[in-house]
Protein backbone atom coordinates (compact mmCIF):
# COMPACT_ATOMS: atom_id res chain seq x y z
CA MET A 1 -21.53 -145.44 8.57
CA LYS A 2 -25.42 -146.62 10.14
CA ARG A 3 -27.00 -149.63 8.11
CA VAL A 4 -30.55 -149.11 7.08
CA SER A 5 -33.66 -150.89 5.65
CA ILE A 6 -36.69 -149.00 4.53
CA PHE A 7 -39.64 -150.78 4.79
CA GLY A 8 -42.64 -149.10 2.93
CA ALA A 9 -40.21 -147.22 0.63
CA THR A 10 -42.31 -145.97 -1.78
CA GLY A 11 -44.99 -144.15 0.77
CA SER A 12 -44.76 -140.85 2.06
CA ILE A 13 -42.70 -141.98 4.76
CA GLY A 14 -40.36 -143.67 2.70
CA GLN A 15 -39.78 -141.12 0.47
CA ASN A 16 -38.90 -138.67 3.17
CA THR A 17 -36.44 -141.21 4.42
CA ILE A 18 -34.49 -141.64 1.43
CA ASP A 19 -34.30 -137.51 0.86
CA LEU A 20 -32.67 -137.39 3.97
CA ILE A 21 -30.10 -140.28 3.47
CA MET A 22 -29.13 -138.91 -0.37
CA ARG A 23 -28.82 -135.63 1.52
CA ALA A 24 -26.02 -137.72 3.24
CA PRO A 25 -24.72 -140.57 1.30
CA ASP A 26 -21.56 -141.30 3.33
CA ASP A 27 -23.50 -141.75 6.62
CA TYR A 28 -25.65 -144.80 5.39
CA LYS A 29 -25.71 -148.17 3.99
CA VAL A 30 -29.28 -149.17 2.67
CA VAL A 31 -29.73 -152.72 3.01
CA ALA A 32 -33.14 -153.30 2.20
CA LEU A 33 -35.91 -151.35 0.53
CA SER A 34 -39.54 -152.77 0.09
CA GLY A 35 -42.51 -151.25 -1.57
CA GLY A 36 -45.73 -152.18 -3.31
CA ALA A 37 -47.11 -151.72 -6.75
CA ASN A 38 -44.74 -148.77 -7.71
CA ILE A 39 -42.11 -150.97 -9.24
CA ALA A 40 -40.42 -147.85 -11.12
CA GLN A 41 -39.98 -145.67 -7.76
CA LEU A 42 -38.87 -148.76 -5.82
CA ALA A 43 -36.34 -150.04 -8.39
CA LYS A 44 -34.92 -146.24 -9.40
CA ASP A 45 -34.66 -145.74 -5.26
CA ALA A 46 -32.83 -149.19 -5.34
CA ILE A 47 -30.22 -148.27 -7.39
CA ALA A 48 -29.73 -145.19 -6.16
CA LEU A 49 -29.07 -146.00 -3.03
CA ASP A 50 -26.78 -149.52 -4.19
CA ALA A 51 -29.46 -151.35 -2.13
CA GLU A 52 -28.81 -155.24 -1.16
CA VAL A 53 -32.00 -155.75 -2.16
CA ALA A 54 -35.54 -154.72 -3.21
CA VAL A 55 -38.90 -156.44 -2.46
CA THR A 56 -42.39 -155.67 -4.10
CA ALA A 57 -44.84 -156.82 -1.48
CA TYR A 58 -47.10 -158.29 -4.75
CA GLU A 59 -45.64 -161.81 -6.07
CA SER A 60 -47.17 -161.12 -8.98
CA ARG A 61 -44.97 -157.90 -9.74
CA PHE A 62 -41.76 -159.59 -9.22
CA GLU A 63 -40.96 -160.35 -13.09
CA ASP A 64 -41.18 -156.58 -13.25
CA LEU A 65 -39.03 -155.45 -10.63
CA GLN A 66 -36.85 -158.26 -11.77
CA SER A 67 -36.57 -156.63 -14.99
CA ALA A 68 -36.22 -153.34 -13.78
CA LEU A 69 -33.19 -153.94 -12.01
CA GLN A 70 -31.39 -156.21 -14.70
CA GLY A 71 -28.13 -155.33 -14.90
CA THR A 72 -27.66 -154.23 -11.28
CA SER A 73 -26.24 -155.73 -8.39
CA VAL A 74 -29.53 -155.02 -6.28
CA VAL A 75 -31.47 -158.51 -5.70
CA ALA A 76 -35.03 -158.43 -6.43
CA ALA A 77 -37.73 -160.07 -4.48
CA ALA A 78 -41.34 -160.33 -3.52
CA GLY A 79 -44.25 -161.23 -1.03
CA ALA A 80 -44.82 -161.21 2.35
CA SER A 81 -41.86 -163.83 3.47
CA ALA A 82 -39.35 -161.93 1.07
CA ILE A 83 -40.35 -158.93 2.99
CA ALA A 84 -39.47 -160.48 6.40
CA GLU A 85 -36.34 -162.35 5.23
CA ALA A 86 -35.17 -158.78 4.11
CA ALA A 87 -35.95 -157.66 7.84
CA ALA A 88 -33.84 -160.35 8.90
CA ARG A 89 -30.83 -158.84 7.61
CA PRO A 90 -28.39 -157.38 9.81
CA VAL A 91 -28.98 -153.45 10.34
CA ASP A 92 -28.34 -150.71 12.65
CA LEU A 93 -31.92 -149.06 12.31
CA VAL A 94 -35.04 -150.16 10.40
CA MET A 95 -37.61 -147.62 9.16
CA SER A 96 -41.31 -149.40 9.39
CA ALA A 97 -43.42 -147.23 7.18
CA ILE A 98 -45.58 -150.10 5.53
CA VAL A 99 -49.25 -148.86 6.03
CA GLY A 100 -51.71 -150.95 7.75
CA ALA A 101 -51.25 -154.34 9.97
CA ALA A 102 -48.77 -155.91 7.27
CA GLY A 103 -46.23 -153.88 8.80
CA LEU A 104 -46.19 -155.59 11.94
CA GLU A 105 -43.92 -159.16 11.06
CA PRO A 106 -41.10 -157.24 9.31
CA GLY A 107 -41.27 -155.06 12.40
CA LEU A 108 -40.87 -157.87 14.77
CA VAL A 109 -38.00 -159.94 12.89
CA ALA A 110 -36.34 -156.44 12.73
CA LEU A 111 -36.54 -156.29 16.78
CA GLN A 112 -35.50 -159.86 16.87
CA GLN A 113 -32.26 -159.01 15.34
CA GLY A 114 -31.71 -156.56 17.97
CA ALA A 115 -31.93 -153.49 15.30
CA THR A 116 -33.51 -150.10 16.18
CA LEU A 117 -37.16 -149.91 14.80
CA ALA A 118 -38.56 -146.56 13.87
CA LEU A 119 -41.50 -147.28 14.21
CA ALA A 120 -44.08 -145.28 11.50
CA ASN A 121 -46.26 -148.02 11.19
CA LYS A 122 -48.87 -147.24 13.99
CA GLU A 123 -51.15 -150.27 13.67
CA SER A 124 -47.86 -152.46 15.05
CA LEU A 125 -48.49 -151.15 18.58
CA VAL A 126 -52.50 -150.95 18.20
CA THR A 127 -52.43 -154.25 17.15
CA ALA A 128 -49.92 -156.14 19.15
CA GLY A 129 -48.44 -153.62 21.64
CA ALA A 130 -47.53 -156.31 24.57
CA LEU A 131 -45.88 -158.35 21.64
CA VAL A 132 -43.86 -155.70 20.19
CA LEU A 133 -42.85 -154.29 23.46
CA ARG A 134 -41.71 -157.63 24.74
CA THR A 135 -39.59 -158.59 21.71
CA ALA A 136 -38.07 -155.31 21.93
CA LYS A 137 -37.09 -155.72 25.45
CA ALA A 138 -36.12 -159.22 24.94
CA ASN A 139 -33.75 -158.46 22.27
CA GLN A 140 -32.20 -155.43 23.78
CA ALA A 141 -33.89 -153.25 20.77
CA ARG A 142 -34.91 -149.65 20.94
CA LEU A 143 -38.30 -148.59 19.50
CA LEU A 144 -38.04 -144.76 18.12
CA PRO A 145 -41.74 -143.32 17.41
CA VAL A 146 -41.75 -141.57 13.97
CA ASP A 147 -45.32 -140.39 13.87
CA SER A 148 -45.11 -136.82 14.25
CA GLU A 149 -47.05 -136.79 17.41
CA HIS A 150 -45.12 -139.86 19.20
CA SER A 151 -41.81 -138.66 18.41
CA ALA A 152 -43.07 -135.16 20.03
CA VAL A 153 -44.14 -136.32 23.28
CA PHE A 154 -41.24 -138.76 23.24
CA GLN A 155 -38.68 -135.44 22.43
CA ALA A 156 -40.72 -133.47 25.42
CA LEU A 157 -40.10 -136.34 27.99
CA ILE A 158 -36.25 -136.25 27.27
CA GLY A 159 -34.66 -135.76 30.91
CA GLU A 160 -38.17 -136.22 32.63
CA ASP A 161 -39.69 -138.81 34.59
CA ILE A 162 -42.98 -140.67 33.20
CA SER A 163 -44.45 -140.52 36.92
CA ALA A 164 -44.93 -136.81 36.90
CA VAL A 165 -47.00 -136.84 33.51
CA GLU A 166 -50.30 -135.97 33.86
CA ARG A 167 -51.92 -135.79 30.54
CA ILE A 168 -50.56 -136.03 27.50
CA ALA A 169 -52.38 -134.09 24.53
CA ILE A 170 -51.87 -135.16 20.72
CA THR A 171 -53.00 -132.95 17.84
CA ALA A 172 -55.05 -133.19 14.96
CA SER A 173 -55.63 -131.15 11.81
CA GLY A 174 -59.14 -132.27 12.08
CA GLY A 175 -58.82 -133.29 7.73
CA ALA A 176 -60.84 -132.17 4.86
CA PHE A 177 -64.13 -132.27 7.01
CA ARG A 178 -63.37 -130.12 10.06
CA ASP A 179 -65.81 -127.35 8.98
CA TRP A 180 -68.36 -129.85 7.29
CA ASN A 181 -71.66 -130.67 8.77
CA LEU A 182 -72.88 -133.96 9.71
CA ASN A 183 -75.33 -134.43 6.77
CA ASP A 184 -72.97 -132.97 4.36
CA MET A 185 -69.99 -135.48 5.81
CA ALA A 186 -72.61 -138.43 5.30
CA ASN A 187 -72.89 -137.91 1.55
CA ALA A 188 -68.91 -137.07 1.20
CA THR A 189 -67.00 -138.93 -1.65
CA PRO A 190 -63.69 -140.99 -1.28
CA GLU A 191 -62.35 -137.99 -3.74
CA GLN A 192 -63.59 -135.33 -0.97
CA ALA A 193 -61.98 -137.15 1.65
CA ALA A 194 -59.00 -138.04 0.56
CA THR A 195 -57.86 -134.10 -0.09
CA HIS A 196 -56.12 -132.87 2.90
CA PRO A 197 -56.24 -128.85 3.92
CA ASN A 198 -52.61 -128.80 5.01
CA TRP A 199 -50.94 -131.22 3.35
CA ASP A 200 -50.54 -134.17 0.43
CA MET A 201 -50.41 -137.37 1.90
CA GLY A 202 -51.56 -140.73 0.69
CA GLN A 203 -55.30 -141.69 -0.14
CA ARG A 204 -55.98 -143.75 2.75
CA ILE A 205 -54.06 -141.86 5.61
CA THR A 206 -56.08 -138.77 4.23
CA ILE A 207 -59.21 -140.14 4.50
CA ASP A 208 -58.26 -141.83 8.20
CA SER A 209 -57.46 -138.26 8.89
CA ALA A 210 -60.76 -136.79 8.09
CA SER A 211 -62.68 -139.48 9.77
CA MET A 212 -60.18 -139.29 12.56
CA PHE A 213 -59.34 -143.12 12.57
CA ASN A 214 -55.97 -141.86 11.98
CA LYS A 215 -56.11 -139.89 15.57
CA ALA A 216 -57.92 -143.12 17.26
CA LEU A 217 -54.88 -145.23 16.11
CA GLU A 218 -52.41 -142.44 17.11
CA VAL A 219 -54.47 -142.28 21.08
CA ILE A 220 -54.13 -146.22 21.47
CA GLU A 221 -50.56 -146.23 20.25
CA THR A 222 -49.69 -143.30 23.11
CA LYS A 223 -51.20 -145.81 25.69
CA GLU A 224 -49.04 -148.50 24.46
CA PHE A 225 -45.79 -146.65 23.73
CA PHE A 226 -46.04 -144.71 26.93
CA GLY A 227 -47.56 -146.72 29.21
CA VAL A 228 -49.66 -144.32 30.39
CA ASP A 229 -53.21 -144.82 31.38
CA PRO A 230 -55.93 -143.80 28.89
CA ASN A 231 -57.66 -141.21 31.09
CA GLN A 232 -54.47 -139.16 30.67
CA ILE A 233 -54.90 -138.82 26.94
CA GLU A 234 -56.57 -136.30 24.88
CA VAL A 235 -57.01 -135.23 21.49
CA LEU A 236 -57.16 -131.27 20.47
CA VAL A 237 -58.45 -130.07 17.04
CA HIS A 238 -55.25 -127.88 16.00
CA PRO A 239 -56.04 -126.39 12.18
CA GLU A 240 -52.65 -124.84 11.96
CA SER A 241 -50.92 -128.36 12.65
CA LEU A 242 -47.47 -126.88 13.96
CA VAL A 243 -48.07 -128.11 17.81
CA HIS A 244 -47.55 -131.79 17.37
CA ALA A 245 -48.06 -132.32 21.07
CA LEU A 246 -48.18 -131.39 24.61
CA VAL A 247 -47.07 -132.88 27.96
CA GLY A 248 -48.50 -131.66 31.00
CA PHE A 249 -46.95 -132.44 34.75
CA ASN A 250 -47.90 -132.75 37.62
CA ASP A 251 -46.34 -129.04 38.34
CA GLY A 252 -48.88 -127.70 36.04
CA ALA A 253 -46.63 -127.39 33.46
CA LEU A 254 -47.10 -128.11 29.92
CA MET A 255 -44.40 -128.76 27.17
CA ALA A 256 -45.10 -128.07 24.11
CA HIS A 257 -43.55 -129.30 20.44
CA ILE A 258 -43.85 -126.72 17.65
CA GLY A 259 -42.49 -127.42 14.27
CA PRO A 260 -43.58 -127.27 10.65
CA ALA A 261 -45.82 -130.07 9.23
CA ASP A 262 -43.02 -131.88 7.49
CA MET A 263 -42.47 -135.23 8.28
CA ARG A 264 -38.62 -135.26 7.75
CA HIS A 265 -38.33 -133.57 11.43
CA ALA A 266 -39.36 -136.66 13.32
CA ILE A 267 -37.67 -139.26 10.63
CA GLY A 268 -34.68 -137.48 10.73
CA TYR A 269 -34.96 -137.35 14.73
CA ALA A 270 -34.98 -141.08 14.77
CA LEU A 271 -32.20 -141.32 11.94
CA HIS A 272 -29.79 -139.84 14.03
CA TYR A 273 -30.88 -140.62 17.63
CA PRO A 274 -29.69 -139.31 20.16
CA ASP A 275 -28.23 -136.68 18.78
CA ARG A 276 -30.06 -133.92 16.49
CA LYS A 277 -28.54 -132.75 13.13
CA THR A 278 -29.30 -129.82 11.17
CA LEU A 279 -32.64 -130.70 8.93
CA PRO A 280 -34.04 -129.20 5.95
CA VAL A 281 -36.98 -128.13 7.23
CA GLU A 282 -38.78 -124.84 7.54
CA ARG A 283 -37.77 -122.80 10.47
CA LEU A 284 -41.29 -121.20 11.75
CA ASP A 285 -41.63 -117.24 11.76
CA LEU A 286 -44.23 -117.18 15.03
CA ALA A 287 -44.86 -113.74 14.60
CA ARG A 288 -45.80 -113.99 11.28
CA ILE A 289 -48.11 -117.11 12.22
CA GLY A 290 -49.70 -114.88 15.21
CA GLN A 291 -51.89 -117.19 16.69
CA LEU A 292 -52.42 -120.71 17.27
CA ASN A 293 -55.79 -122.10 17.81
CA PHE A 294 -57.34 -125.25 19.70
CA ARG A 295 -60.70 -126.84 20.77
CA ALA A 296 -62.33 -129.95 21.48
CA PRO A 297 -63.39 -132.48 18.75
CA ASP A 298 -66.70 -132.86 18.31
CA PRO A 299 -67.53 -136.55 19.46
CA ALA A 300 -70.80 -136.60 16.83
CA ARG A 301 -68.43 -135.91 14.30
CA TYR A 302 -65.37 -138.34 15.22
CA PRO A 303 -67.36 -141.38 16.69
CA ALA A 304 -63.56 -143.34 16.04
CA LEU A 305 -62.34 -141.57 19.04
CA ARG A 306 -64.83 -142.84 21.43
CA LEU A 307 -64.21 -146.24 19.74
CA ALA A 308 -60.50 -145.66 20.91
CA TRP A 309 -61.02 -145.29 24.30
CA ASP A 310 -63.53 -148.70 24.08
CA VAL A 311 -60.73 -150.48 22.72
CA MET A 312 -58.24 -149.35 25.47
CA GLU A 313 -60.42 -150.34 28.30
CA ILE A 314 -61.38 -153.88 26.58
CA GLY A 315 -57.43 -154.13 26.36
CA GLY A 316 -56.15 -157.60 24.80
CA MET A 317 -57.19 -158.29 20.99
CA ALA A 318 -59.27 -155.38 21.05
CA GLY A 319 -56.80 -153.16 19.09
CA CYS A 320 -56.07 -156.12 16.55
CA ILE A 321 -59.76 -155.96 16.17
CA PHE A 322 -60.36 -152.42 15.67
CA ASN A 323 -57.75 -151.56 13.12
CA ALA A 324 -58.52 -154.81 11.20
CA ALA A 325 -62.31 -154.27 10.79
CA LYS A 326 -60.93 -149.91 10.10
CA GLU A 327 -59.00 -151.34 7.07
CA LYS A 328 -62.18 -153.37 5.81
CA ALA A 329 -64.34 -150.24 6.37
CA LEU A 330 -62.11 -147.89 4.77
CA ASP A 331 -61.74 -150.37 1.72
CA ALA A 332 -65.37 -150.19 1.26
CA PHE A 333 -65.85 -146.78 1.34
CA ILE A 334 -63.15 -146.42 -1.23
CA ALA A 335 -64.92 -148.56 -3.19
CA LYS A 336 -68.18 -146.48 -2.45
CA ARG A 337 -70.10 -149.59 -0.83
CA ILE A 338 -70.83 -147.69 2.16
CA GLY A 339 -70.74 -144.17 3.06
CA PHE A 340 -68.16 -141.98 5.06
CA LEU A 341 -69.74 -142.38 8.60
CA GLU A 342 -70.71 -145.82 7.79
CA MET A 343 -67.14 -146.53 8.41
CA ALA A 344 -67.38 -146.16 12.29
CA THR A 345 -70.31 -148.12 12.62
CA VAL A 346 -68.72 -151.21 10.70
CA VAL A 347 -66.00 -151.10 13.59
CA GLU A 348 -68.04 -150.58 16.29
CA ASN A 349 -70.39 -153.53 14.99
CA THR A 350 -67.24 -155.45 14.66
CA LEU A 351 -65.88 -154.78 17.77
CA THR A 352 -68.87 -154.96 19.70
CA LYS A 353 -69.47 -158.60 18.39
CA LEU A 354 -66.44 -160.08 18.84
CA SER A 355 -65.45 -158.71 22.53
CA GLY A 356 -68.00 -160.51 24.25
CA ASP A 357 -65.66 -163.56 23.29
CA SER A 358 -62.94 -163.45 26.11
CA GLY A 359 -61.28 -166.67 25.04
CA LEU A 360 -60.57 -164.31 21.85
CA ILE A 361 -59.87 -161.12 23.63
CA LEU A 362 -57.59 -162.71 26.01
CA ALA A 363 -55.74 -165.01 24.45
CA GLU A 364 -51.77 -165.42 24.67
CA MET A 365 -50.78 -162.37 22.30
CA THR A 366 -48.40 -164.07 19.47
CA LEU A 367 -47.89 -163.33 15.83
CA ASP A 368 -50.34 -166.29 15.23
CA THR A 369 -52.81 -165.40 17.48
CA VAL A 370 -52.60 -161.53 16.22
CA LYS A 371 -53.26 -163.00 12.71
CA HIS A 372 -56.16 -165.63 13.39
CA THR A 373 -57.69 -162.39 15.28
CA ASP A 374 -56.71 -159.93 12.66
CA GLN A 375 -58.56 -162.42 9.82
CA LEU A 376 -61.56 -163.37 11.79
CA ALA A 377 -62.46 -159.54 12.25
CA ARG A 378 -62.19 -159.08 8.71
CA ARG A 379 -64.58 -161.42 7.91
CA ILE A 380 -67.19 -160.10 10.91
CA ALA A 381 -66.67 -156.46 9.10
CA ASP A 382 -67.04 -157.86 5.34
CA GLU A 383 -70.50 -159.42 6.83
CA THR A 384 -71.34 -155.96 8.25
CA ILE A 385 -70.63 -154.29 4.83
CA GLN A 386 -72.65 -156.59 2.83
CA LYS A 387 -75.80 -156.22 5.67
CA ARG A 388 -75.39 -152.30 5.18
CA GLU A 389 -75.31 -152.99 1.30
CA GLY A 390 -78.20 -154.98 0.97
């Protein structure tokens, strides 16, 4: 029986993970679940899975969670320190699905215990790739990608020598505005940006899909996870969202991973690794689909992608700055303080202002220095946002 903890259990990745575990309850023992403000869902899942502990990220919601778990054996806890403590509980696998930089610390704690980290929290490698990889190596812990694109690359590389790889192409749906003109994009509302043409995701990740900030994070994650040169990475807009990634080799071959737009595939692959097991996902009928389309992303429409390559060129703490500024810019757009296209401007201004500080950029990467850089970047981004409001 595999012992599993799920951090970010109430989000889409967490819920899909729980779906798969509930289909094979005898194969798993769920130790810890964490969530945010959706206390009812967190408590319901913790009870159904007979978890040892359920943690809400919000300390103010502790009593609500405790009340919802009353009469059960599940222990209630709240706050960032409680999530870190839950991550220290011995398990075989941790599903890291917390959105944003908040997912970094529990992931590091899990790696320190030697657990396999199934990584859906792309911000961990973007903000602190060197630290995450170093921690995994020091504790002989395994990292498994759960983003569909990186899971696809990972699978395409099985049995292959990374030195034979010439290029890696990750695909993007193009998001809500893939066929909009720039003027319309400039006036887009958060409600419009949060409507995905292909699937239903959470508000923040759907807006990040529309702006391609999500893909920019994945570009950086590709470089960190697979150790390839930034010039070997490319992005393709693929409206059907069926080809998740392609790996090109030095003999000219392209190996593509094709599957339905269902996160349970990548999640299930990580849960069962190194085995493949039957999953409840659609079997594609390629004759019915008929054709697959690809095009290069328009740099003018998606400046976030250009910034991803800037981040990789700068190196060091640049990824941490990029992600922190992105999160603040997204907050401001959702609050209707700035426009859709202004998010990239906020991020670029923050990156430009802080990348000249070599002491900051080249500082030894520890959890403390990452946290310091994150907070500094958020403050600079806030200042930029306030100026644009004025």
